[in-house]
Amino acid sequence: MDSRCSLQESCSAIYMTENLIKKYAGENPYFCTKLSISGKGRQYKIRVIENLKLVQNLYKLNLSHNCISKISNLECLSHLTHLDLAHNLISSMDGLQTLTGLLVRQFDSFNNFRH
């Protein structure tokens, strides 16, 4: 089975709950500066980017190999410089304009951008 979701597949989804963020960022996620919640090798994939106010001091975020279709809810990450969204289902990059400090963006051909 492919490690990413296709548009035809039914993905088992997880949500970016406070508990999930704490699992990866630690008990006090406010001080976290690097966060990786890659779906590679996991059965459950993130579909929606949410609850990032908990980790607003991030400068590096890896959400690769998930089932994210829309970039949104990133405006609170004003310190973000590195973003990895490779191997997702992203069709729109409209949510990136607020990230003025973003230096590195990783996408790939699995994403289906609309221009």
N, C-alpha and C. Protein backbone atom coordinates (compact mmCIF):
# COMPACT_ATOMS: atom_id res chain seq x y z
N MET A 1 0.84 -1.19 0.00
CA MET A 1 0.00 0.00 0.00
C MET A 1 0.88 1.25 0.00
N ASP A 2 0.53 2.23 -0.78
CA ASP A 2 1.26 3.49 -0.86
C ASP A 2 1.22 4.20 0.48
N SER A 3 2.34 4.88 0.85
CA SER A 3 2.39 5.55 2.15
C SER A 3 1.64 6.87 2.16
N ARG A 4 1.12 7.30 1.03
CA ARG A 4 0.32 8.51 0.99
C ARG A 4 -1.08 8.15 0.53
N CYS A 5 -2.02 9.05 0.70
CA CYS A 5 -3.40 8.81 0.29
C CYS A 5 -3.58 9.25 -1.15
N SER A 6 -4.34 8.51 -1.89
CA SER A 6 -4.74 8.97 -3.20
C SER A 6 -6.14 9.55 -3.08
N LEU A 7 -6.57 10.27 -4.09
CA LEU A 7 -7.90 10.86 -4.03
C LEU A 7 -8.98 9.79 -3.97
N GLN A 8 -8.69 8.61 -4.48
CA GLN A 8 -9.69 7.55 -4.48
C GLN A 8 -9.71 6.77 -3.17
N GLU A 9 -8.62 6.82 -2.43
CA GLU A 9 -8.52 6.04 -1.21
C GLU A 9 -9.33 6.66 -0.08
N SER A 10 -9.75 5.82 0.78
CA SER A 10 -10.36 6.29 2.03
C SER A 10 -9.27 6.25 3.09
N CYS A 11 -8.84 7.39 3.52
CA CYS A 11 -7.76 7.49 4.51
C CYS A 11 -8.35 7.45 5.91
N SER A 12 -7.71 6.72 6.77
CA SER A 12 -8.07 6.80 8.18
C SER A 12 -7.44 8.07 8.72
N ALA A 13 -8.25 8.97 9.20
CA ALA A 13 -7.77 10.30 9.57
C ALA A 13 -7.59 10.45 11.07
N ILE A 14 -6.60 11.25 11.42
CA ILE A 14 -6.46 11.70 12.79
C ILE A 14 -6.51 13.22 12.76
N TYR A 15 -6.82 13.80 13.86
CA TYR A 15 -6.90 15.25 13.95
C TYR A 15 -5.75 15.77 14.80
N MET A 16 -5.34 16.98 14.51
CA MET A 16 -4.25 17.60 15.25
C MET A 16 -4.80 18.14 16.57
N THR A 17 -5.11 17.23 17.46
CA THR A 17 -5.65 17.60 18.76
C THR A 17 -4.52 18.08 19.66
N GLU A 18 -4.89 18.67 20.76
CA GLU A 18 -3.89 19.11 21.74
C GLU A 18 -3.06 17.92 22.21
N ASN A 19 -3.69 16.77 22.44
CA ASN A 19 -2.96 15.59 22.89
C ASN A 19 -1.97 15.09 21.85
N LEU A 20 -2.34 15.11 20.58
CA LEU A 20 -1.43 14.68 19.52
C LEU A 20 -0.23 15.63 19.45
N ILE A 21 -0.47 16.91 19.51
CA ILE A 21 0.63 17.88 19.46
C ILE A 21 1.55 17.69 20.66
N LYS A 22 0.99 17.48 21.84
CA LYS A 22 1.82 17.25 23.03
C LYS A 22 2.63 15.96 22.92
N LYS A 23 2.06 14.97 22.26
CA LYS A 23 2.78 13.70 22.08
C LYS A 23 4.07 13.93 21.31
N TYR A 24 4.03 14.78 20.30
CA TYR A 24 5.20 15.03 19.46
C TYR A 24 6.03 16.23 19.91
N ALA A 25 5.42 17.20 20.56
CA ALA A 25 6.12 18.43 20.93
C ALA A 25 6.53 18.46 22.40
N GLY A 26 5.98 17.59 23.21
CA GLY A 26 6.28 17.60 24.64
C GLY A 26 5.13 18.22 25.42
N GLU A 27 5.18 18.11 26.71
CA GLU A 27 4.09 18.58 27.56
C GLU A 27 3.87 20.09 27.52
N ASN A 28 4.90 20.85 27.20
CA ASN A 28 4.75 22.30 27.08
C ASN A 28 5.07 22.70 25.64
N PRO A 29 4.13 22.50 24.72
CA PRO A 29 4.40 22.71 23.30
C PRO A 29 4.72 24.16 22.93
N TYR A 30 4.38 25.11 23.79
CA TYR A 30 4.66 26.51 23.49
C TYR A 30 6.15 26.74 23.23
N PHE A 31 7.01 25.99 23.90
CA PHE A 31 8.46 26.17 23.76
C PHE A 31 9.07 25.32 22.65
N CYS A 32 8.26 24.53 21.99
CA CYS A 32 8.74 23.68 20.90
C CYS A 32 9.10 24.55 19.68
N THR A 33 10.27 24.29 19.08
CA THR A 33 10.68 25.04 17.90
C THR A 33 10.72 24.17 16.65
N LYS A 34 10.76 22.84 16.82
CA LYS A 34 10.76 21.90 15.70
C LYS A 34 9.70 20.85 15.97
N LEU A 35 8.86 20.58 14.98
CA LEU A 35 7.79 19.59 15.15
C LEU A 35 7.67 18.76 13.89
N SER A 36 7.70 17.44 14.04
CA SER A 36 7.53 16.53 12.92
C SER A 36 6.39 15.57 13.25
N ILE A 37 5.31 15.68 12.47
CA ILE A 37 4.20 14.74 12.58
C ILE A 37 3.98 14.17 11.17
N SER A 38 5.02 13.50 10.70
CA SER A 38 4.97 12.88 9.38
C SER A 38 4.08 11.65 9.45
N GLY A 39 3.33 11.41 8.40
CA GLY A 39 2.47 10.25 8.34
C GLY A 39 3.15 9.02 7.76
N LYS A 40 4.44 9.16 7.41
CA LYS A 40 5.17 8.06 6.78
C LYS A 40 5.21 6.85 7.72
N GLY A 41 4.73 5.73 7.21
CA GLY A 41 4.73 4.50 7.98
C GLY A 41 3.60 4.38 8.98
N ARG A 42 2.71 5.37 9.04
CA ARG A 42 1.58 5.31 9.98
C ARG A 42 0.29 5.03 9.21
N GLN A 43 -0.60 4.30 9.83
CA GLN A 43 -1.89 4.00 9.22
C GLN A 43 -2.78 5.24 9.19
N TYR A 44 -2.71 6.06 10.23
CA TYR A 44 -3.58 7.21 10.34
C TYR A 44 -2.87 8.46 9.85
N LYS A 45 -3.55 9.28 9.06
CA LYS A 45 -2.97 10.45 8.43
C LYS A 45 -3.75 11.70 8.82
N ILE A 46 -3.03 12.80 8.95
CA ILE A 46 -3.66 14.09 9.25
C ILE A 46 -4.31 14.62 7.98
N ARG A 47 -5.53 15.08 8.10
CA ARG A 47 -6.26 15.67 6.97
C ARG A 47 -6.32 17.19 7.05
N VAL A 48 -6.40 17.72 8.27
CA VAL A 48 -6.62 19.16 8.46
C VAL A 48 -5.53 19.71 9.38
N ILE A 49 -4.94 20.82 8.96
CA ILE A 49 -3.97 21.51 9.81
C ILE A 49 -4.75 22.35 10.81
N GLU A 50 -4.56 22.09 12.10
CA GLU A 50 -5.30 22.82 13.13
C GLU A 50 -4.54 22.79 14.46
N ASN A 51 -4.99 23.60 15.41
CA ASN A 51 -4.44 23.68 16.76
C ASN A 51 -2.97 24.09 16.81
N LEU A 52 -2.50 24.83 15.83
CA LEU A 52 -1.09 25.22 15.81
C LEU A 52 -0.77 26.39 16.73
N LYS A 53 -1.78 27.03 17.30
CA LYS A 53 -1.51 28.08 18.28
C LYS A 53 -0.76 27.52 19.48
N LEU A 54 -0.89 26.22 19.70
CA LEU A 54 -0.18 25.57 20.80
C LEU A 54 1.33 25.56 20.58
N VAL A 55 1.75 25.64 19.32
CA VAL A 55 3.17 25.55 18.97
C VAL A 55 3.59 26.77 18.15
N GLN A 56 3.14 27.93 18.56
CA GLN A 56 3.35 29.13 17.75
C GLN A 56 4.80 29.60 17.66
N ASN A 57 5.72 28.98 18.40
CA ASN A 57 7.14 29.34 18.30
C ASN A 57 7.92 28.43 17.37
N LEU A 58 7.23 27.63 16.60
CA LEU A 58 7.90 26.73 15.66
C LEU A 58 8.68 27.51 14.61
N TYR A 59 9.85 26.99 14.27
CA TYR A 59 10.53 27.49 13.09
C TYR A 59 10.68 26.38 12.05
N LYS A 60 10.41 25.13 12.45
CA LYS A 60 10.48 24.01 11.51
C LYS A 60 9.28 23.09 11.73
N LEU A 61 8.51 22.82 10.65
CA LEU A 61 7.31 21.98 10.74
C LEU A 61 7.31 20.97 9.61
N ASN A 62 7.20 19.69 9.97
CA ASN A 62 7.14 18.61 8.99
C ASN A 62 5.79 17.91 9.12
N LEU A 63 4.96 18.07 8.10
CA LEU A 63 3.67 17.38 8.02
C LEU A 63 3.61 16.55 6.74
N SER A 64 4.75 16.03 6.32
CA SER A 64 4.81 15.25 5.08
C SER A 64 4.10 13.90 5.25
N HIS A 65 3.77 13.28 4.13
CA HIS A 65 3.17 11.94 4.09
C HIS A 65 1.85 11.87 4.85
N ASN A 66 1.01 12.88 4.71
CA ASN A 66 -0.31 12.88 5.32
C ASN A 66 -1.37 13.01 4.23
N CYS A 67 -2.55 13.41 4.57
CA CYS A 67 -3.66 13.57 3.61
C CYS A 67 -4.18 15.00 3.62
N ILE A 68 -3.30 15.96 3.78
CA ILE A 68 -3.68 17.36 3.85
C ILE A 68 -4.00 17.84 2.44
N SER A 69 -5.15 18.45 2.25
CA SER A 69 -5.54 18.92 0.92
C SER A 69 -5.51 20.44 0.80
N LYS A 70 -5.49 21.13 1.92
CA LYS A 70 -5.54 22.59 1.90
C LYS A 70 -4.59 23.15 2.95
N ILE A 71 -3.80 24.13 2.55
CA ILE A 71 -2.93 24.80 3.50
C ILE A 71 -3.74 25.89 4.17
N SER A 72 -3.92 25.77 5.47
CA SER A 72 -4.69 26.75 6.22
C SER A 72 -4.25 26.71 7.68
N ASN A 73 -4.70 27.69 8.44
CA ASN A 73 -4.45 27.76 9.87
C ASN A 73 -2.97 27.88 10.24
N LEU A 74 -2.17 28.47 9.35
CA LEU A 74 -0.75 28.64 9.62
C LEU A 74 -0.39 30.05 10.06
N GLU A 75 -1.36 30.97 10.05
CA GLU A 75 -1.06 32.38 10.30
C GLU A 75 -0.45 32.64 11.68
N CYS A 76 -0.65 31.76 12.64
CA CYS A 76 -0.09 31.95 13.98
C CYS A 76 1.39 31.57 14.04
N LEU A 77 1.93 30.98 12.98
CA LEU A 77 3.32 30.53 12.98
C LEU A 77 4.25 31.58 12.36
N SER A 78 4.32 32.72 12.99
CA SER A 78 5.09 33.84 12.43
C SER A 78 6.59 33.59 12.42
N HIS A 79 7.09 32.63 13.19
CA HIS A 79 8.53 32.33 13.24
C HIS A 79 8.93 31.23 12.26
N LEU A 80 7.96 30.64 11.57
CA LEU A 80 8.23 29.47 10.73
C LEU A 80 9.15 29.82 9.56
N THR A 81 10.23 29.04 9.42
CA THR A 81 11.16 29.23 8.30
C THR A 81 11.25 28.00 7.41
N HIS A 82 10.89 26.81 7.92
CA HIS A 82 10.97 25.57 7.16
C HIS A 82 9.64 24.82 7.27
N LEU A 83 9.08 24.45 6.12
CA LEU A 83 7.80 23.75 6.07
C LEU A 83 7.88 22.61 5.08
N ASP A 84 7.61 21.40 5.54
CA ASP A 84 7.63 20.22 4.66
C ASP A 84 6.22 19.65 4.58
N LEU A 85 5.63 19.77 3.39
CA LEU A 85 4.30 19.23 3.12
C LEU A 85 4.33 18.25 1.95
N ALA A 86 5.49 17.63 1.73
CA ALA A 86 5.62 16.65 0.65
C ALA A 86 4.70 15.46 0.88
N HIS A 87 4.30 14.82 -0.20
CA HIS A 87 3.46 13.62 -0.15
C HIS A 87 2.13 13.87 0.57
N ASN A 88 1.43 14.91 0.17
CA ASN A 88 0.09 15.20 0.64
C ASN A 88 -0.82 15.32 -0.58
N LEU A 89 -1.98 15.87 -0.43
CA LEU A 89 -2.95 16.05 -1.52
C LEU A 89 -3.28 17.52 -1.71
N ILE A 90 -2.34 18.39 -1.50
CA ILE A 90 -2.57 19.82 -1.50
C ILE A 90 -2.93 20.31 -2.90
N SER A 91 -4.03 21.03 -2.99
CA SER A 91 -4.47 21.57 -4.27
C SER A 91 -4.39 23.10 -4.31
N SER A 92 -4.17 23.72 -3.15
CA SER A 92 -4.11 25.17 -3.09
C SER A 92 -3.05 25.60 -2.09
N MET A 93 -2.27 26.62 -2.46
CA MET A 93 -1.23 27.14 -1.57
C MET A 93 -1.63 28.50 -1.02
N ASP A 94 -2.91 28.80 -0.97
CA ASP A 94 -3.39 30.10 -0.53
C ASP A 94 -2.99 30.45 0.90
N GLY A 95 -2.75 29.49 1.74
CA GLY A 95 -2.44 29.75 3.14
C GLY A 95 -1.01 30.15 3.43
N LEU A 96 -0.16 30.24 2.41
CA LEU A 96 1.25 30.53 2.65
C LEU A 96 1.59 32.02 2.67
N GLN A 97 0.73 32.87 2.15
CA GLN A 97 1.07 34.29 2.03
C GLN A 97 1.31 34.98 3.36
N THR A 98 0.80 34.46 4.45
CA THR A 98 1.00 35.08 5.76
C THR A 98 2.36 34.70 6.37
N LEU A 99 3.04 33.72 5.81
CA LEU A 99 4.31 33.24 6.35
C LEU A 99 5.47 33.97 5.68
N THR A 100 5.68 35.20 6.08
CA THR A 100 6.68 36.05 5.42
C THR A 100 8.11 35.61 5.70
N GLY A 101 8.36 34.87 6.76
CA GLY A 101 9.72 34.41 7.07
C GLY A 101 10.05 33.04 6.52
N LEU A 102 9.14 32.45 5.77
CA LEU A 102 9.34 31.10 5.26
C LEU A 102 10.46 31.06 4.22
N LEU A 103 11.50 30.29 4.51
CA LEU A 103 12.65 30.18 3.62
C LEU A 103 12.61 28.91 2.79
N VAL A 104 12.20 27.80 3.39
CA VAL A 104 12.21 26.50 2.72
C VAL A 104 10.80 25.93 2.72
N ARG A 105 10.32 25.59 1.52
CA ARG A 105 9.03 24.92 1.38
C ARG A 105 9.28 23.65 0.59
N GLN A 106 8.86 22.53 1.10
CA GLN A 106 9.05 21.27 0.40
C GLN A 106 7.69 20.72 -0.02
N PHE A 107 7.53 20.63 -1.33
CA PHE A 107 6.34 20.06 -1.93
C PHE A 107 6.82 19.06 -2.98
N ASP A 108 5.94 18.37 -3.62
CA ASP A 108 6.34 17.44 -4.67
C ASP A 108 5.19 17.21 -5.63
N SER A 109 5.41 16.31 -6.55
CA SER A 109 4.41 16.06 -7.59
C SER A 109 3.18 15.34 -7.08
N PHE A 110 3.20 14.79 -5.87
CA PHE A 110 2.00 14.17 -5.31
C PHE A 110 0.93 15.21 -5.02
N ASN A 111 1.37 16.44 -4.73
CA ASN A 111 0.42 17.53 -4.52
C ASN A 111 -0.07 18.01 -5.87
N ASN A 112 -1.29 18.50 -5.94
CA ASN A 112 -1.93 18.87 -7.19
C ASN A 112 -2.35 20.33 -7.12
N PHE A 113 -1.37 21.23 -7.24
CA PHE A 113 -1.63 22.64 -7.06
C PHE A 113 -2.47 23.24 -8.16
N ARG A 114 -3.38 24.13 -7.74
CA ARG A 114 -4.13 24.95 -8.68
C ARG A 114 -3.49 26.31 -8.70
N HIS A 115 -3.24 26.83 -9.87
CA HIS A 115 -2.60 28.14 -9.99
C HIS A 115 -3.62 29.22 -10.27
